[in-house]
C-alpha cells in the first residue's frame, strides 16, 4: 500500500489560536463552533497546544468497528464517513486510537478530518503540515514532536465516556 498522508501539527509551534478549528467548522458547516470541527486542539498546561487529526491508520480500526460499514477509504487512502450509512453509534469514535473522530452535535453523525488542507493553508504559525510517517520522521529527525505526543498520550487520546 502507498504510504498514507495525514495532517500533523507541531505542538511547539502551535499557538492555540484555534484558527484551524474555526476554519474547518466554517468550511464544512458554515458556522464557527469547535464541536462542529473535524480537528480538535488540546491544550496541555503550561502552553502546549496539540492539534489532533485523523492519521489514516493503515489498519484503520475505525473502519472495522463500524457496524453499519459507514467508514471506508478513498483511492488516496483517506478514511471517510458515508453520512447516508452512519447512524451515530460511536463505535468508530471508541476505536480510534488518536481521538480523531467525533459525533457532530447537530447531525449525530461521525465527523473526522479528510485532509482537505484548509487548516494547513490558513495556519498563521505554520504549525500544520500534510505528511506521511516517513516524511514526519525526516522532518522530526530528533523525535521531538513524536516524543511530546508520546509523553502526553494519556491526556491527548483519552476517550470521553458517556455516563
N, C-alpha and C. Protein backbone atom coordinates (compact mmCIF):
# COMPACT_ATOMS: atom_id res chain seq x y z
N UNK A 1 0.85 -1.18 0.00
CA UNK A 1 0.00 0.00 0.00
C UNK A 1 0.89 1.24 0.00
N UNK A 2 0.48 2.27 -0.72
CA UNK A 2 1.18 3.54 -0.73
C UNK A 2 1.17 4.14 0.67
N UNK A 3 2.24 4.81 1.02
CA UNK A 3 2.29 5.42 2.35
C UNK A 3 1.18 6.47 2.47
N UNK A 4 0.46 6.42 3.56
CA UNK A 4 -0.72 7.26 3.75
C UNK A 4 -0.37 8.64 4.28
N UNK A 5 -1.03 9.65 3.74
CA UNK A 5 -0.82 11.03 4.17
C UNK A 5 -1.81 11.39 5.27
N UNK A 6 -1.40 12.32 6.11
CA UNK A 6 -2.25 12.84 7.16
C UNK A 6 -1.77 14.23 7.53
N UNK A 7 -2.63 15.00 8.18
CA UNK A 7 -2.26 16.32 8.67
C UNK A 7 -1.69 16.15 10.07
N UNK A 8 -0.64 16.90 10.36
CA UNK A 8 0.00 16.81 11.67
C UNK A 8 0.34 18.21 12.12
N UNK A 9 0.36 18.43 13.42
CA UNK A 9 0.68 19.73 13.98
C UNK A 9 1.83 19.66 14.97
N UNK A 10 2.71 20.63 14.90
CA UNK A 10 3.85 20.71 15.82
C UNK A 10 3.40 21.44 17.08
N UNK A 11 3.33 20.75 18.22
CA UNK A 11 2.85 21.40 19.44
C UNK A 11 3.76 22.51 19.96
N UNK A 12 5.03 22.49 19.57
CA UNK A 12 5.92 23.58 19.99
C UNK A 12 5.70 24.84 19.17
N UNK A 13 5.10 24.71 18.00
CA UNK A 13 4.87 25.87 17.13
C UNK A 13 3.42 26.35 17.24
N UNK A 14 2.49 25.43 17.44
CA UNK A 14 1.07 25.79 17.54
C UNK A 14 0.86 26.78 18.68
N UNK A 15 0.14 27.85 18.39
CA UNK A 15 -0.13 28.89 19.40
C UNK A 15 -1.45 28.68 20.11
N UNK A 16 -2.24 27.72 19.67
CA UNK A 16 -3.54 27.51 20.27
C UNK A 16 -4.58 28.52 19.84
N UNK A 17 -4.34 29.20 18.72
CA UNK A 17 -5.25 30.26 18.26
C UNK A 17 -6.61 29.73 17.81
N UNK A 18 -6.68 28.44 17.50
CA UNK A 18 -7.92 27.77 17.10
C UNK A 18 -8.40 28.16 15.70
N UNK A 19 -7.57 28.82 14.92
CA UNK A 19 -7.97 29.16 13.56
C UNK A 19 -8.27 27.89 12.76
N UNK A 20 -7.47 26.84 12.96
CA UNK A 20 -7.71 25.59 12.24
C UNK A 20 -9.10 25.03 12.56
N UNK A 21 -9.47 25.08 13.82
CA UNK A 21 -10.77 24.58 14.26
C UNK A 21 -11.89 25.43 13.66
N UNK A 22 -11.74 26.74 13.72
CA UNK A 22 -12.77 27.64 13.19
C UNK A 22 -12.88 27.57 11.68
N UNK A 23 -11.75 27.48 10.99
CA UNK A 23 -11.77 27.36 9.53
C UNK A 23 -12.50 26.08 9.13
N UNK A 24 -12.20 25.00 9.82
CA UNK A 24 -12.82 23.72 9.50
C UNK A 24 -14.33 23.76 9.69
N UNK A 25 -14.78 24.23 10.84
CA UNK A 25 -16.22 24.25 11.08
C UNK A 25 -16.94 25.20 10.12
N UNK A 26 -16.30 26.31 9.79
CA UNK A 26 -16.91 27.25 8.84
C UNK A 26 -16.94 26.66 7.43
N UNK A 27 -15.86 26.03 7.02
CA UNK A 27 -15.76 25.47 5.67
C UNK A 27 -16.80 24.38 5.44
N UNK A 28 -16.98 23.51 6.43
CA UNK A 28 -17.89 22.37 6.24
C UNK A 28 -19.31 22.61 6.73
N UNK A 29 -19.46 23.42 7.78
CA UNK A 29 -20.79 23.55 8.38
C UNK A 29 -21.31 24.98 8.44
N UNK A 30 -20.55 25.92 7.86
CA UNK A 30 -20.96 27.33 7.74
C UNK A 30 -21.25 27.99 9.08
N UNK A 31 -20.51 27.55 10.11
CA UNK A 31 -20.60 28.18 11.42
C UNK A 31 -19.31 27.93 12.18
N UNK A 32 -18.99 28.85 13.05
CA UNK A 32 -17.80 28.68 13.88
C UNK A 32 -18.23 27.97 15.15
N UNK A 33 -17.68 26.80 15.35
CA UNK A 33 -18.02 26.02 16.53
C UNK A 33 -17.07 24.85 16.69
N UNK A 34 -16.30 24.83 17.77
CA UNK A 34 -15.33 23.76 17.97
C UNK A 34 -15.91 22.34 17.95
N UNK A 35 -17.14 22.17 18.40
CA UNK A 35 -17.73 20.83 18.40
C UNK A 35 -18.18 20.42 17.00
N UNK A 36 -18.13 21.35 16.08
CA UNK A 36 -18.53 21.07 14.70
C UNK A 36 -17.31 21.02 13.77
N UNK A 37 -16.14 20.94 14.34
CA UNK A 37 -14.91 20.91 13.57
C UNK A 37 -14.40 19.48 13.45
N UNK A 38 -13.72 19.21 12.35
CA UNK A 38 -13.12 17.89 12.13
C UNK A 38 -11.74 17.80 12.77
N UNK A 39 -11.24 18.90 13.29
CA UNK A 39 -9.96 18.94 14.01
C UNK A 39 -10.23 19.45 15.41
N UNK A 40 -9.49 18.95 16.36
CA UNK A 40 -9.58 19.43 17.73
C UNK A 40 -8.19 19.88 18.17
N UNK A 41 -8.13 20.88 19.04
CA UNK A 41 -6.87 21.30 19.61
C UNK A 41 -6.97 21.09 21.12
N UNK A 42 -6.02 20.34 21.64
CA UNK A 42 -5.98 20.04 23.08
C UNK A 42 -4.83 20.83 23.68
N UNK A 43 -5.15 21.62 24.71
CA UNK A 43 -4.12 22.40 25.41
C UNK A 43 -3.69 21.63 26.65
N UNK A 44 -2.38 21.53 26.80
CA UNK A 44 -1.79 20.94 27.99
C UNK A 44 -0.93 22.03 28.61
N UNK A 45 -1.27 22.40 29.81
CA UNK A 45 -0.54 23.46 30.50
C UNK A 45 0.83 22.96 30.93
N UNK A 46 1.86 23.78 30.85
CA UNK A 46 1.81 25.19 30.52
C UNK A 46 2.03 25.44 29.02
N UNK A 47 0.99 25.75 28.33
CA UNK A 47 1.01 26.27 26.96
C UNK A 47 1.61 25.35 25.90
N UNK A 48 1.20 24.08 25.89
CA UNK A 48 1.48 23.21 24.75
C UNK A 48 0.15 22.92 24.10
N UNK A 49 0.04 23.23 22.82
CA UNK A 49 -1.22 23.02 22.10
C UNK A 49 -1.01 21.95 21.04
N UNK A 50 -1.87 20.93 21.08
CA UNK A 50 -1.77 19.79 20.19
C UNK A 50 -2.97 19.75 19.25
N UNK A 51 -2.79 20.11 17.97
CA UNK A 51 -3.87 19.90 17.00
C UNK A 51 -3.97 18.40 16.70
N UNK A 52 -5.16 17.84 16.79
CA UNK A 52 -5.34 16.40 16.58
C UNK A 52 -6.13 16.14 15.31
N UNK A 53 -5.57 15.29 14.47
CA UNK A 53 -6.17 14.95 13.18
C UNK A 53 -6.18 13.44 13.00
N UNK A 54 -7.04 12.97 12.11
CA UNK A 54 -7.03 11.57 11.71
C UNK A 54 -5.69 11.27 11.04
N UNK A 55 -5.10 10.15 11.40
CA UNK A 55 -3.82 9.76 10.80
C UNK A 55 -3.98 8.72 9.71
N UNK A 56 -5.19 8.40 9.33
CA UNK A 56 -5.44 7.42 8.27
C UNK A 56 -4.64 6.14 8.51
N UNK A 57 -4.78 5.60 9.69
CA UNK A 57 -4.03 4.40 10.08
C UNK A 57 -4.13 3.32 9.00
N UNK A 58 -3.04 2.64 8.80
CA UNK A 58 -3.05 1.57 7.80
C UNK A 58 -4.08 0.50 8.14
N UNK A 59 -4.16 0.15 9.43
CA UNK A 59 -5.13 -0.87 9.85
C UNK A 59 -6.51 -0.28 10.12
N UNK A 60 -6.62 1.03 10.26
CA UNK A 60 -7.87 1.77 10.43
C UNK A 60 -8.91 1.04 11.28
N UNK A 61 -8.69 0.96 12.60
CA UNK A 61 -9.64 0.25 13.46
C UNK A 61 -11.04 0.85 13.43
N UNK A 62 -11.17 2.11 13.06
CA UNK A 62 -12.49 2.74 12.97
C UNK A 62 -13.34 2.09 11.88
N UNK A 63 -12.71 1.73 10.77
CA UNK A 63 -13.45 1.10 9.67
C UNK A 63 -14.02 -0.24 10.12
N UNK A 64 -13.18 -1.04 10.76
CA UNK A 64 -13.61 -2.36 11.21
C UNK A 64 -14.67 -2.27 12.31
N UNK A 65 -14.61 -1.22 13.12
CA UNK A 65 -15.53 -1.09 14.26
C UNK A 65 -16.94 -0.68 13.87
N UNK A 66 -17.11 -0.04 12.73
CA UNK A 66 -18.43 0.49 12.37
C UNK A 66 -19.39 -0.63 11.99
N UNK A 67 -20.48 -0.80 12.76
CA UNK A 67 -21.43 -1.88 12.45
C UNK A 67 -22.24 -1.63 11.17
N UNK A 68 -22.27 -0.39 10.71
CA UNK A 68 -23.04 -0.05 9.52
C UNK A 68 -22.19 0.00 8.25
N UNK A 69 -20.88 -0.17 8.39
CA UNK A 69 -19.99 -0.08 7.23
C UNK A 69 -19.94 1.33 6.66
N UNK A 70 -20.08 2.33 7.52
CA UNK A 70 -20.16 3.72 7.07
C UNK A 70 -18.79 4.35 6.82
N UNK A 71 -17.73 3.72 7.29
CA UNK A 71 -16.39 4.26 7.06
C UNK A 71 -15.68 3.42 6.00
N UNK A 72 -14.98 4.12 5.13
CA UNK A 72 -14.22 3.44 4.07
C UNK A 72 -13.02 4.30 3.73
N UNK A 73 -12.24 3.82 2.80
CA UNK A 73 -11.03 4.51 2.41
C UNK A 73 -11.15 4.93 0.94
N UNK A 74 -10.73 6.16 0.64
CA UNK A 74 -10.74 6.61 -0.75
C UNK A 74 -9.56 5.99 -1.49
N UNK A 75 -9.49 6.21 -2.78
CA UNK A 75 -8.38 5.69 -3.58
C UNK A 75 -7.04 6.29 -3.15
N UNK A 76 -7.08 7.45 -2.48
CA UNK A 76 -5.85 8.07 -1.98
C UNK A 76 -5.53 7.64 -0.55
N UNK A 77 -6.37 6.78 0.02
CA UNK A 77 -6.11 6.27 1.35
C UNK A 77 -6.75 7.02 2.49
N UNK A 78 -7.52 8.05 2.19
CA UNK A 78 -8.16 8.85 3.24
C UNK A 78 -9.40 8.12 3.74
N UNK A 79 -9.51 7.99 5.05
CA UNK A 79 -10.69 7.37 5.66
C UNK A 79 -11.81 8.41 5.66
N UNK A 80 -12.97 8.02 5.14
CA UNK A 80 -14.12 8.92 5.06
C UNK A 80 -15.35 8.27 5.69
N UNK A 81 -16.33 9.12 6.01
CA UNK A 81 -17.59 8.67 6.60
C UNK A 81 -18.70 8.87 5.57
N UNK A 82 -19.47 7.83 5.33
CA UNK A 82 -20.64 7.91 4.47
C UNK A 82 -21.82 8.29 5.38
N UNK A 83 -22.25 9.54 5.30
CA UNK A 83 -23.32 10.02 6.17
C UNK A 83 -24.64 9.29 5.96
N UNK A 84 -24.84 8.76 4.76
CA UNK A 84 -26.06 8.01 4.49
C UNK A 84 -26.12 6.70 5.25
N UNK A 85 -24.97 6.15 5.56
CA UNK A 85 -24.91 4.89 6.30
C UNK A 85 -24.70 5.07 7.80
N UNK A 86 -24.07 6.17 8.19
CA UNK A 86 -23.73 6.39 9.60
C UNK A 86 -24.99 6.60 10.43
N UNK A 87 -25.09 5.84 11.53
CA UNK A 87 -26.23 6.04 12.43
C UNK A 87 -25.78 6.57 13.79
N UNK A 88 -24.50 6.98 13.88
CA UNK A 88 -24.03 7.64 15.09
C UNK A 88 -23.83 6.76 16.29
N UNK A 89 -23.57 5.48 16.10
CA UNK A 89 -23.37 4.59 17.25
C UNK A 89 -22.14 4.98 18.06
N UNK A 90 -21.16 5.57 17.40
CA UNK A 90 -19.94 5.97 18.10
C UNK A 90 -18.91 4.87 18.20
N UNK A 91 -19.14 3.74 17.56
CA UNK A 91 -18.16 2.64 17.62
C UNK A 91 -16.83 3.07 17.01
N UNK A 92 -16.89 3.88 15.97
CA UNK A 92 -15.66 4.38 15.33
C UNK A 92 -14.92 5.33 16.26
N UNK A 93 -15.66 6.13 17.01
CA UNK A 93 -15.06 7.06 17.97
C UNK A 93 -14.28 6.28 19.02
N UNK A 94 -14.90 5.24 19.54
CA UNK A 94 -14.25 4.42 20.56
C UNK A 94 -13.04 3.68 20.01
N UNK A 95 -13.08 3.30 18.74
CA UNK A 95 -11.99 2.52 18.15
C UNK A 95 -10.80 3.36 17.74
N UNK A 96 -10.99 4.65 17.52
CA UNK A 96 -9.91 5.50 17.03
C UNK A 96 -8.83 5.69 18.10
N UNK A 97 -7.59 5.29 17.80
CA UNK A 97 -6.53 5.42 18.80
C UNK A 97 -6.04 6.86 18.99
N UNK A 98 -6.45 7.77 18.10
CA UNK A 98 -5.96 9.15 18.16
C UNK A 98 -7.04 10.17 18.53
N UNK A 99 -8.19 9.70 18.98
CA UNK A 99 -9.27 10.60 19.39
C UNK A 99 -9.59 11.60 18.28
N UNK A 100 -9.61 11.11 17.04
CA UNK A 100 -9.74 11.99 15.89
C UNK A 100 -11.11 11.91 15.21
N UNK A 101 -12.03 11.14 15.77
CA UNK A 101 -13.38 11.06 15.22
C UNK A 101 -14.33 11.52 16.33
N UNK A 102 -15.31 12.31 15.94
CA UNK A 102 -16.27 12.85 16.90
C UNK A 102 -17.66 12.73 16.32
N UNK A 103 -18.65 12.80 17.18
CA UNK A 103 -20.04 12.81 16.73
C UNK A 103 -20.49 14.26 16.66
N UNK A 104 -20.96 14.67 15.49
CA UNK A 104 -21.43 16.04 15.28
C UNK A 104 -22.65 16.28 16.16
N UNK A 105 -22.67 17.38 16.92
CA UNK A 105 -23.76 17.61 17.86
C UNK A 105 -25.14 17.83 17.23
N UNK A 106 -25.17 18.27 15.98
CA UNK A 106 -26.46 18.52 15.34
C UNK A 106 -26.95 17.33 14.51
N UNK A 107 -26.04 16.71 13.76
CA UNK A 107 -26.44 15.62 12.87
C UNK A 107 -26.42 14.26 13.54
N UNK A 108 -25.63 14.13 14.62
CA UNK A 108 -25.50 12.83 15.27
C UNK A 108 -24.66 11.86 14.46
N UNK A 109 -23.97 12.35 13.45
CA UNK A 109 -23.13 11.51 12.58
C UNK A 109 -21.66 11.72 12.92
N UNK A 110 -20.85 10.72 12.60
CA UNK A 110 -19.41 10.82 12.83
C UNK A 110 -18.80 11.85 11.88
N UNK A 111 -17.85 12.63 12.39
CA UNK A 111 -17.07 13.55 11.55
C UNK A 111 -15.60 13.37 11.87
N UNK A 112 -14.77 13.55 10.86
CA UNK A 112 -13.33 13.41 11.01
C UNK A 112 -12.63 14.18 9.91
N UNK A 113 -11.37 14.45 10.13
CA UNK A 113 -10.56 15.16 9.13
C UNK A 113 -10.45 14.33 7.86
N UNK A 114 -10.61 14.99 6.72
CA UNK A 114 -10.46 14.30 5.45
C UNK A 114 -9.31 14.90 4.63
N UNK A 115 -8.38 15.54 5.30
CA UNK A 115 -7.17 16.08 4.70
C UNK A 115 -7.45 17.04 3.55
N UNK A 116 -8.40 17.93 3.74
CA UNK A 116 -8.71 18.90 2.68
C UNK A 116 -7.65 19.99 2.59
N UNK A 117 -6.93 20.24 3.68
CA UNK A 117 -5.84 21.23 3.67
C UNK A 117 -6.25 22.65 3.99
N UNK A 118 -7.53 22.90 4.24
CA UNK A 118 -7.97 24.26 4.56
C UNK A 118 -7.24 24.80 5.80
N UNK A 119 -7.10 23.97 6.80
CA UNK A 119 -6.43 24.41 8.04
C UNK A 119 -4.94 24.63 7.81
N UNK A 120 -4.31 23.77 7.04
CA UNK A 120 -2.88 23.90 6.75
C UNK A 120 -2.61 25.22 6.04
N UNK A 121 -3.45 25.53 5.06
CA UNK A 121 -3.27 26.76 4.29
C UNK A 121 -3.46 28.02 5.12
N UNK A 122 -4.25 27.93 6.19
CA UNK A 122 -4.60 29.14 6.95
C UNK A 122 -3.94 29.24 8.33
N UNK A 123 -3.09 28.29 8.67
CA UNK A 123 -2.43 28.35 9.98
C UNK A 123 -1.42 29.49 9.99
N UNK A 124 -1.64 30.51 10.82
CA UNK A 124 -0.75 31.68 10.81
C UNK A 124 0.65 31.37 11.37
N UNK A 125 0.78 30.29 12.14
CA UNK A 125 2.07 29.94 12.72
C UNK A 125 2.83 28.90 11.89
N UNK A 126 2.20 28.42 10.81
CA UNK A 126 2.77 27.32 10.01
C UNK A 126 3.08 26.10 10.87
N UNK A 127 2.21 25.83 11.81
CA UNK A 127 2.39 24.68 12.70
C UNK A 127 1.83 23.40 12.09
N UNK A 128 0.98 23.51 11.07
CA UNK A 128 0.32 22.35 10.48
C UNK A 128 0.94 22.01 9.13
N UNK A 129 0.99 20.72 8.85
CA UNK A 129 1.52 20.27 7.56
C UNK A 129 0.94 18.91 7.23
N UNK A 130 0.88 18.63 5.94
CA UNK A 130 0.45 17.32 5.47
C UNK A 130 1.71 16.49 5.29
N UNK A 131 1.66 15.24 5.76
CA UNK A 131 2.87 14.42 5.79
C UNK A 131 2.53 12.94 5.69
N UNK A 132 3.55 12.14 5.62
CA UNK A 132 3.43 10.68 5.77
C UNK A 132 4.30 10.33 6.98
N UNK A 133 4.22 9.10 7.43
CA UNK A 133 5.02 8.69 8.59
C UNK A 133 6.52 8.86 8.30
N UNK A 134 6.96 8.47 7.11
CA UNK A 134 8.39 8.59 6.81
C UNK A 134 8.81 10.05 6.62
N UNK A 135 7.93 10.86 6.04
CA UNK A 135 8.23 12.30 5.91
C UNK A 135 8.29 12.96 7.29
N UNK A 136 7.43 12.52 8.20
CA UNK A 136 7.45 13.06 9.55
C UNK A 136 8.75 12.68 10.26
N UNK A 137 9.19 11.45 10.07
CA UNK A 137 10.47 11.02 10.65
C UNK A 137 11.61 11.87 10.12
N UNK A 138 11.58 12.19 8.83
CA UNK A 138 12.63 13.00 8.22
C UNK A 138 12.58 14.44 8.76
N UNK A 139 11.38 14.97 8.88
CA UNK A 139 11.20 16.35 9.36
C UNK A 139 11.55 16.48 10.84
N UNK A 140 11.26 15.44 11.59
CA UNK A 140 11.44 15.44 13.05
C UNK A 140 12.57 14.46 13.42
N UNK A 141 13.73 14.67 12.83
CA UNK A 141 14.85 13.72 12.99
C UNK A 141 15.20 13.43 14.44
N UNK A 142 15.12 14.44 15.28
CA UNK A 142 15.47 14.22 16.69
C UNK A 142 14.30 13.62 17.48
N UNK A 143 13.13 13.50 16.86
CA UNK A 143 11.99 12.87 17.51
C UNK A 143 11.25 13.74 18.51
N UNK A 144 11.46 15.05 18.45
CA UNK A 144 10.87 15.98 19.40
C UNK A 144 9.34 15.96 19.38
N UNK A 145 8.76 16.06 18.18
CA UNK A 145 7.30 16.13 18.09
C UNK A 145 6.65 14.83 18.56
N UNK A 146 7.17 13.72 18.09
CA UNK A 146 6.59 12.44 18.47
C UNK A 146 6.80 12.15 19.96
N UNK A 147 7.93 12.61 20.52
CA UNK A 147 8.17 12.44 21.96
C UNK A 147 7.13 13.20 22.78
N UNK A 148 6.75 14.39 22.31
CA UNK A 148 5.71 15.15 23.01
C UNK A 148 4.37 14.42 22.95
N UNK A 149 4.03 13.89 21.78
CA UNK A 149 2.78 13.13 21.64
C UNK A 149 2.80 11.90 22.54
N UNK A 150 3.94 11.23 22.59
CA UNK A 150 4.06 10.05 23.45
C UNK A 150 3.97 10.42 24.93
N UNK A 151 4.62 11.48 25.31
CA UNK A 151 4.64 11.92 26.71
C UNK A 151 3.22 12.24 27.21
N UNK A 152 2.41 12.85 26.36
CA UNK A 152 1.08 13.29 26.77
C UNK A 152 -0.06 12.44 26.20
N UNK A 153 0.26 11.25 25.71
CA UNK A 153 -0.76 10.43 25.03
C UNK A 153 -1.96 10.11 25.91
N UNK A 154 -1.76 9.94 27.20
CA UNK A 154 -2.89 9.60 28.07
C UNK A 154 -3.92 10.73 28.14
N UNK A 155 -3.46 11.96 28.01
CA UNK A 155 -4.36 13.11 28.01
C UNK A 155 -4.91 13.36 26.61
N UNK A 156 -4.04 13.28 25.62
CA UNK A 156 -4.44 13.60 24.24
C UNK A 156 -5.46 12.62 23.67
N UNK A 157 -5.26 11.35 23.98
CA UNK A 157 -6.08 10.33 23.33
C UNK A 157 -7.07 9.65 24.26
N UNK A 158 -7.35 10.29 25.41
CA UNK A 158 -8.33 9.71 26.32
C UNK A 158 -9.71 9.79 25.68
N UNK A 159 -10.54 8.86 26.01
CA UNK A 159 -11.89 8.81 25.46
C UNK A 159 -12.88 9.37 26.47
N UNK A 160 -13.82 10.16 25.95
CA UNK A 160 -14.90 10.65 26.80
C UNK A 160 -15.91 9.51 26.92
N UNK A 161 -16.20 9.15 28.12
CA UNK A 161 -17.13 8.05 28.37
C UNK A 161 -18.47 8.63 28.79
N UNK A 162 -19.52 8.24 28.06
CA UNK A 162 -20.86 8.70 28.42
C UNK A 162 -21.34 7.95 29.64
N UNK A 163 -21.99 8.68 30.53
CA UNK A 163 -22.49 8.06 31.77
C UNK A 163 -23.98 7.89 31.73
